[in-house]
Amino acid sequence: MTRPFRFGVQSFHANSGKAWAEQAVTAERLGYSTFHLADHIIGAGPALERTNHPLQNLAAVPAMAYAAAVTSQIKIGCRVFCIDYHLPVVLIKEAMTIDLLSDGRLELGLGAGWLADEYEAIGLSMDSPGQRIDRLRHVVEATKAYAGPDQLAIDNADIQWREFEGTPNAFASRTPPIMIGGGSPKVLRLAGEVADIVSLNFNNRKGVIGPDGVQKSTAEETAKKLRWIKEGAGDRFDQLELEIGAYFTFVTEDKAPIVAGFAQNFGTSPEAMLEHPHALFGSVDEICETLEHRREQYGISYVTVGHASMESFAPVVARLTGK
């Protein structure tokens, strides 16, 4: 089955409510499917500098609610909530409330956490990857139970809920689409098993953004990730939607110098950079051809670009979605 293309925008920053509203409304007007944030806490300083991560000045939950309030059709998402930053029952109630008040427009992204210096900066212990991914499984199971009609009776290493019903239990009493993102074997097998949308991401084993993560997300490495997803999904693989962040997107008629610069920064060749699944370089025609090839090669039909590329990438969205 060939899924139709969907496209998202991810933004980290706005200096006012008006500016944030304009971003969300513009994304909707340009035909994007989803308006995303991430879930990061720390501001400027040495800790953030060590992560190489862009500054996010907005808290995810209220910013998502605001974006939902000023739009009417676009889905609202988070790529992805770090479950360690939130008390699970509070996060799930907040998410279900956004879904209810937006008439079912929430995409609920959940992740195991990865940004080591952020954990340290806020005084939060960072468990092993295996422990964090096991906790993610428990939160996903609890989310699905919360959205159901029955009283909750959950008792595991991370969540103990009993003798109450989840409320609100989401729009139309169904679990919002759950996105799980990551790049390691264990998290992608879990995503294949329990998610609706699998977000292919860097293997952030180093806890920072850098060459290691980029080199662990090449075309060859992405093929490995698909195998891990299939191992977790089994017979349900065809039901999954595969999403990817196109973090290096440049719509241009002169891509060669840009590609060469990225290749040098990440210690790879220009040829490998052009094939990198998280990168899109070239004209509208070239990028459309690349995306169609990657959908055929990997099954990736859902692509998210950064806010800085939203306007320039819009002709690609229009071409591939017919909007």
Protein backbone atom coordinates (compact mmCIF):
# COMPACT_ATOMS: atom_id res chain seq x y z
CA MET A 1 0.00 0.00 0.00
CA THR A 2 1.34 3.42 -0.99
CA ARG A 3 0.34 6.02 1.56
CA PRO A 4 -0.38 9.59 0.45
CA PHE A 5 2.16 12.17 1.46
CA ARG A 6 1.72 14.25 4.58
CA PHE A 7 3.96 17.11 5.68
CA GLY A 8 4.56 18.73 9.05
CA VAL A 9 6.26 21.87 10.31
CA GLN A 10 8.27 21.90 13.53
CA SER A 11 8.97 25.14 15.35
CA PHE A 12 10.87 25.86 18.55
CA HIS A 13 10.50 29.57 19.13
CA ALA A 14 8.17 32.57 19.12
CA ASN A 15 8.53 35.93 20.84
CA SER A 16 4.80 36.59 21.25
CA GLY A 17 1.41 34.99 21.05
CA LYS A 18 0.81 36.83 17.78
CA ALA A 19 3.98 35.41 16.25
CA TRP A 20 3.16 31.89 17.38
CA ALA A 21 -0.38 32.17 16.03
CA GLU A 22 0.95 33.41 12.70
CA GLN A 23 3.25 30.41 12.41
CA ALA A 24 0.43 27.94 13.05
CA VAL A 25 -2.06 29.71 10.79
CA THR A 26 0.51 29.98 7.99
CA ALA A 27 1.35 26.28 8.22
CA GLU A 28 -2.37 25.49 7.92
CA ARG A 29 -2.83 27.87 4.98
CA LEU A 30 0.15 26.37 3.12
CA GLY A 31 -1.33 22.88 3.30
CA TYR A 32 0.83 21.29 5.97
CA SER A 33 -0.78 18.41 7.85
CA THR A 34 0.70 19.03 11.29
CA PHE A 35 2.20 21.82 13.36
CA HIS A 36 4.76 20.40 15.80
CA LEU A 37 6.90 21.45 18.72
CA ALA A 38 9.53 19.45 20.54
CA ASP A 39 9.71 19.09 24.33
CA HIS A 40 12.77 20.84 25.74
CA ILE A 41 13.21 22.94 28.84
CA ILE A 42 16.56 24.67 29.25
CA GLY A 43 17.39 28.13 28.00
CA ALA A 44 20.64 29.60 26.71
CA GLY A 45 23.81 28.70 28.58
CA PRO A 46 26.69 26.25 28.67
CA ALA A 47 24.41 23.21 29.07
CA LEU A 48 22.46 24.03 25.91
CA GLU A 49 25.66 24.82 24.02
CA ARG A 50 27.03 21.36 24.80
CA THR A 51 23.92 19.70 23.36
CA ASN A 52 24.14 21.51 19.99
CA HIS A 53 20.33 21.63 20.16
CA PRO A 54 18.38 24.72 19.09
CA LEU A 55 16.79 26.80 21.83
CA GLN A 56 13.12 26.11 22.52
CA ASN A 57 11.64 28.98 24.47
CA LEU A 58 8.06 27.64 24.61
CA ALA A 59 6.64 24.97 26.90
CA ALA A 60 5.05 22.34 24.68
CA VAL A 61 1.61 21.86 26.26
CA PRO A 62 0.39 25.48 26.41
CA ALA A 63 1.94 26.26 23.02
CA MET A 64 0.12 23.30 21.48
CA ALA A 65 -3.15 24.42 23.05
CA TYR A 66 -2.65 27.96 21.73
CA ALA A 67 -1.88 26.68 18.22
CA ALA A 68 -4.98 24.50 18.30
CA ALA A 69 -7.12 27.45 19.38
CA VAL A 70 -6.09 29.68 16.46
CA THR A 71 -6.46 27.00 13.77
CA SER A 72 -9.32 24.79 12.63
CA GLN A 73 -7.95 21.92 10.52
CA ILE A 74 -4.22 21.35 11.00
CA LYS A 75 -3.19 18.66 13.45
CA ILE A 76 -1.18 19.65 16.53
CA GLY A 77 1.78 17.53 17.58
CA CYS A 78 4.92 17.20 19.66
CA ARG A 79 7.97 15.40 18.25
CA VAL A 80 8.14 14.14 20.98
CA PHE A 81 7.25 14.54 24.64
CA CYS A 82 10.05 13.30 26.88
CA ILE A 83 8.14 11.15 29.34
CA ASP A 84 10.75 11.71 32.06
CA TYR A 85 9.94 15.44 32.11
CA HIS A 86 6.28 14.89 33.06
CA LEU A 87 4.19 13.09 35.63
CA PRO A 88 2.48 10.62 33.27
CA VAL A 89 -1.10 11.05 34.50
CA VAL A 90 -0.83 14.84 34.22
CA LEU A 91 0.71 14.72 30.73
CA ILE A 92 -1.94 12.29 29.50
CA LYS A 93 -4.82 14.34 30.95
CA GLU A 94 -3.38 17.48 29.33
CA ALA A 95 -2.98 15.67 26.00
CA MET A 96 -6.51 14.28 26.07
CA THR A 97 -7.83 17.75 26.88
CA ILE A 98 -6.07 19.24 23.86
CA ASP A 99 -7.46 16.44 21.71
CA LEU A 100 -11.01 16.99 23.00
CA LEU A 101 -10.95 20.79 22.67
CA SER A 102 -9.42 20.64 19.16
CA ASP A 103 -12.04 18.14 17.92
CA GLY A 104 -9.54 15.32 17.57
CA ARG A 105 -6.56 17.12 16.07
CA LEU A 106 -3.86 15.87 18.44
CA GLU A 107 -0.93 13.70 17.34
CA LEU A 108 0.58 12.45 20.58
CA GLY A 109 4.33 12.02 20.25
CA LEU A 110 6.04 10.14 23.08
CA GLY A 111 9.75 9.45 23.55
CA ALA A 112 12.18 7.98 26.05
CA GLY A 113 14.41 11.07 26.36
CA TRP A 114 17.94 11.53 25.09
CA LEU A 115 19.45 14.97 25.72
CA ALA A 116 21.94 14.15 28.45
CA ASP A 117 23.04 17.68 29.35
CA GLU A 118 19.43 18.80 29.69
CA TYR A 119 18.77 16.01 32.20
CA GLU A 120 21.86 17.04 34.16
CA ALA A 121 21.09 20.76 33.99
CA ILE A 122 17.64 20.33 35.55
CA GLY A 123 18.83 17.84 38.17
CA LEU A 124 17.05 14.85 36.68
CA SER A 125 18.64 11.40 36.83
CA MET A 126 19.02 9.77 33.43
CA ASP A 127 18.44 6.03 33.60
CA SER A 128 19.90 3.58 31.12
CA PRO A 129 18.38 3.48 27.61
CA GLY A 130 16.78 0.13 28.39
CA GLN A 131 15.08 1.46 31.53
CA ARG A 132 13.84 4.57 29.76
CA ILE A 133 12.42 2.58 26.85
CA ASP A 134 10.69 0.17 29.24
CA ARG A 135 9.16 3.21 30.96
CA LEU A 136 8.01 4.50 27.56
CA ARG A 137 6.20 1.21 26.96
CA HIS A 138 4.41 1.59 30.29
CA VAL A 139 3.34 5.15 29.46
CA VAL A 140 2.00 4.14 26.05
CA GLU A 141 0.03 1.27 27.61
CA ALA A 142 -1.33 3.66 30.25
CA THR A 143 -2.31 6.22 27.61
CA LYS A 144 -4.38 3.65 25.75
CA ALA A 145 -6.02 2.50 28.97
CA TYR A 146 -6.77 6.10 30.02
CA ALA A 147 -8.60 6.68 26.73
CA GLY A 148 -10.76 3.61 27.27
CA PRO A 149 -14.14 3.28 29.02
CA ASP A 150 -13.07 1.26 32.05
CA GLN A 151 -11.75 2.17 35.47
CA LEU A 152 -7.99 2.06 35.56
CA ALA A 153 -6.08 -0.73 37.24
CA ILE A 154 -2.39 -0.37 36.34
CA ASP A 155 0.43 -1.56 38.57
CA ASN A 156 3.92 -1.78 37.13
CA ALA A 157 7.38 -0.44 37.92
CA ASP A 158 6.50 3.06 36.72
CA ILE A 159 2.74 3.58 36.97
CA GLN A 160 0.27 2.67 39.72
CA TRP A 161 -3.28 3.84 38.95
CA ARG A 162 -6.45 2.41 40.39
CA GLU A 163 -10.13 3.06 41.05
CA PHE A 164 -10.73 5.94 38.62
CA GLU A 165 -11.69 6.49 35.00
CA GLY A 166 -9.59 8.57 32.65
CA THR A 167 -11.25 11.88 31.89
CA PRO A 168 -11.48 13.40 29.41
CA ASN A 169 -10.90 10.23 27.43
CA ALA A 170 -10.10 12.09 24.23
CA PHE A 171 -12.25 13.15 21.29
CA ALA A 172 -14.82 10.56 20.22
CA SER A 173 -13.56 8.23 22.98
CA ARG A 174 -10.59 6.92 21.02
CA THR A 175 -6.86 7.11 21.64
CA PRO A 176 -5.22 9.89 19.62
CA PRO A 177 -2.66 8.68 17.06
CA ILE A 178 0.52 7.88 18.97
CA MET A 179 3.90 8.72 17.47
CA ILE A 180 7.05 7.14 18.87
CA GLY A 181 10.38 8.45 17.68
CA GLY A 182 13.93 7.21 17.92
CA GLY A 183 16.85 5.56 16.19
CA SER A 184 17.93 2.60 18.33
CA PRO A 185 16.84 -1.02 17.84
CA LYS A 186 14.86 -1.31 21.08
CA VAL A 187 12.84 1.88 20.71
CA LEU A 188 12.05 1.22 17.05
CA ARG A 189 10.92 -2.33 17.80
CA LEU A 190 8.65 -0.86 20.49
CA ALA A 191 7.36 1.74 18.02
CA GLY A 192 6.59 -0.98 15.50
CA GLU A 193 4.71 -2.89 18.16
CA VAL A 194 2.57 -0.17 19.77
CA ALA A 195 2.66 3.12 17.79
CA ASP A 196 0.48 4.43 14.98
CA ILE A 197 3.22 6.69 13.58
CA VAL A 198 6.91 5.79 13.74
CA SER A 199 9.27 8.77 13.62
CA LEU A 200 12.65 7.76 12.21
CA ASN A 201 15.26 9.80 14.03
CA PHE A 202 18.95 9.88 14.73
CA ASN A 203 20.38 7.28 17.05
CA ASN A 204 21.14 9.80 19.78
CA ARG A 205 23.27 7.42 21.85
CA LYS A 206 25.79 10.21 22.51
CA GLY A 207 23.13 12.43 24.09
CA VAL A 208 24.00 15.38 21.82
CA ILE A 209 23.37 16.43 18.23
CA GLY A 210 26.50 15.80 16.19
CA PRO A 211 28.31 13.73 13.56
CA ASP A 212 27.71 10.42 15.33
CA GLY A 213 23.93 10.74 15.14
CA VAL A 214 24.03 11.93 11.54
CA GLN A 215 26.33 9.09 10.50
CA LYS A 216 24.02 6.61 12.23
CA SER A 217 21.11 7.81 10.07
CA THR A 218 22.47 7.32 6.55
CA ALA A 219 20.59 5.48 3.82
CA GLU A 220 22.22 2.22 4.88
CA GLU A 221 21.43 2.79 8.57
CA THR A 222 17.85 3.75 7.76
CA ALA A 223 17.37 0.40 6.03
CA LYS A 224 18.46 -1.25 9.31
CA LYS A 225 15.95 0.86 11.23
CA LEU A 226 13.16 -0.33 8.96
CA ARG A 227 14.10 -3.92 9.75
CA TRP A 228 13.86 -3.19 13.49
CA ILE A 229 10.44 -1.60 13.03
CA LYS A 230 9.25 -4.62 11.07
CA GLU A 231 10.54 -6.96 13.77
CA GLY A 232 8.38 -5.16 16.33
CA ALA A 233 5.36 -4.70 14.08
CA GLY A 234 5.01 -8.14 12.56
CA ASP A 235 1.70 -8.37 10.71
CA ARG A 236 0.73 -4.79 11.59
CA PHE A 237 3.63 -3.14 9.70
CA ASP A 238 1.39 -2.06 6.80
CA GLN A 239 -0.81 -0.17 9.28
CA LEU A 240 2.06 2.07 10.38
CA GLU A 241 2.76 5.53 9.04
CA LEU A 242 6.48 6.29 8.75
CA GLU A 243 7.59 9.86 9.49
CA ILE A 244 10.99 11.50 9.29
CA GLY A 245 12.42 14.90 10.17
CA ALA A 246 14.07 16.53 7.16
CA TYR A 247 16.42 18.53 9.35
CA PHE A 248 18.64 19.69 6.50
CA THR A 249 16.22 21.12 3.94
CA PHE A 250 17.29 23.65 1.33
CA VAL A 251 15.09 24.46 -1.67
CA THR A 252 17.62 25.90 -4.10
CA GLU A 253 18.79 25.81 -7.68
CA ASP A 254 22.43 25.74 -6.51
CA LYS A 255 22.74 22.91 -4.00
CA ALA A 256 26.39 21.91 -4.54
CA PRO A 257 28.09 24.34 -2.11
CA ILE A 258 25.48 23.70 0.60
CA VAL A 259 25.82 19.95 0.27
CA ALA A 260 29.61 20.19 0.36
CA GLY A 261 29.49 22.26 3.55
CA PHE A 262 27.24 19.80 5.36
CA ALA A 263 29.33 16.85 4.18
CA GLN A 264 32.46 18.45 5.61
CA ASN A 265 30.76 19.29 8.92
CA PHE A 266 29.49 15.74 9.41
CA GLY A 267 32.53 13.88 8.10
CA THR A 268 30.85 12.30 5.10
CA SER A 269 30.89 12.64 1.31
CA PRO A 270 28.67 14.97 -0.73
CA GLU A 271 27.18 11.89 -2.43
CA ALA A 272 26.23 10.38 0.94
CA MET A 273 24.83 13.71 2.10
CA LEU A 274 22.55 13.92 -0.94
CA GLU A 275 21.22 10.45 -0.16
CA HIS A 276 20.83 11.12 3.56
CA PRO A 277 17.17 10.46 4.48
CA HIS A 278 17.10 13.46 6.84
CA ALA A 279 18.33 15.85 4.11
CA LEU A 280 16.61 17.47 1.13
CA PHE A 281 18.62 19.64 -1.25
CA GLY A 282 17.67 21.00 -4.65
CA SER A 283 14.89 22.51 -6.70
CA VAL A 284 11.22 21.77 -6.13
CA ASP A 285 11.34 19.23 -8.97
CA GLU A 286 14.43 17.52 -7.54
CA ILE A 287 13.04 17.35 -4.01
CA CYS A 288 9.70 15.96 -5.21
CA GLU A 289 11.55 13.27 -7.13
CA THR A 290 13.68 12.47 -4.08
CA LEU A 291 10.66 12.15 -1.80
CA GLU A 292 8.82 9.91 -4.22
CA HIS A 293 11.92 7.70 -4.47
CA ARG A 294 12.25 7.51 -0.67
CA ARG A 295 8.58 6.64 -0.27
CA GLU A 296 9.13 3.77 -2.69
CA GLN A 297 12.44 2.74 -1.08
CA TYR A 298 11.60 3.10 2.61
CA GLY A 299 7.85 3.62 2.84
CA ILE A 300 8.31 7.11 4.30
CA SER A 301 5.25 9.21 3.45
CA TYR A 302 5.24 11.75 6.28
CA VAL A 303 7.98 14.40 6.28
CA THR A 304 8.51 17.21 8.78
CA VAL A 305 10.57 20.31 7.99
CA GLY A 306 11.74 23.12 10.22
CA HIS A 307 9.87 26.41 10.48
CA ALA A 308 12.69 28.21 8.65
CA SER A 309 11.94 26.09 5.55
CA MET A 310 8.14 26.33 5.77
CA GLU A 311 7.63 28.95 3.06
CA SER A 312 10.27 27.73 0.61
CA PHE A 313 9.14 24.11 0.96
CA ALA A 314 5.45 24.95 0.44
CA PRO A 315 5.55 24.32 -3.36
CA VAL A 316 6.70 20.76 -2.61
CA VAL A 317 3.74 20.31 -0.27
CA ALA A 318 1.36 21.64 -2.90
CA ARG A 319 2.83 19.44 -5.63
CA LEU A 320 2.78 16.18 -3.66
CA THR A 321 -0.53 16.64 -1.82
CA GLY A 322 -2.49 18.46 -4.49
CA LYS A 323 -3.32 21.28 -2.07
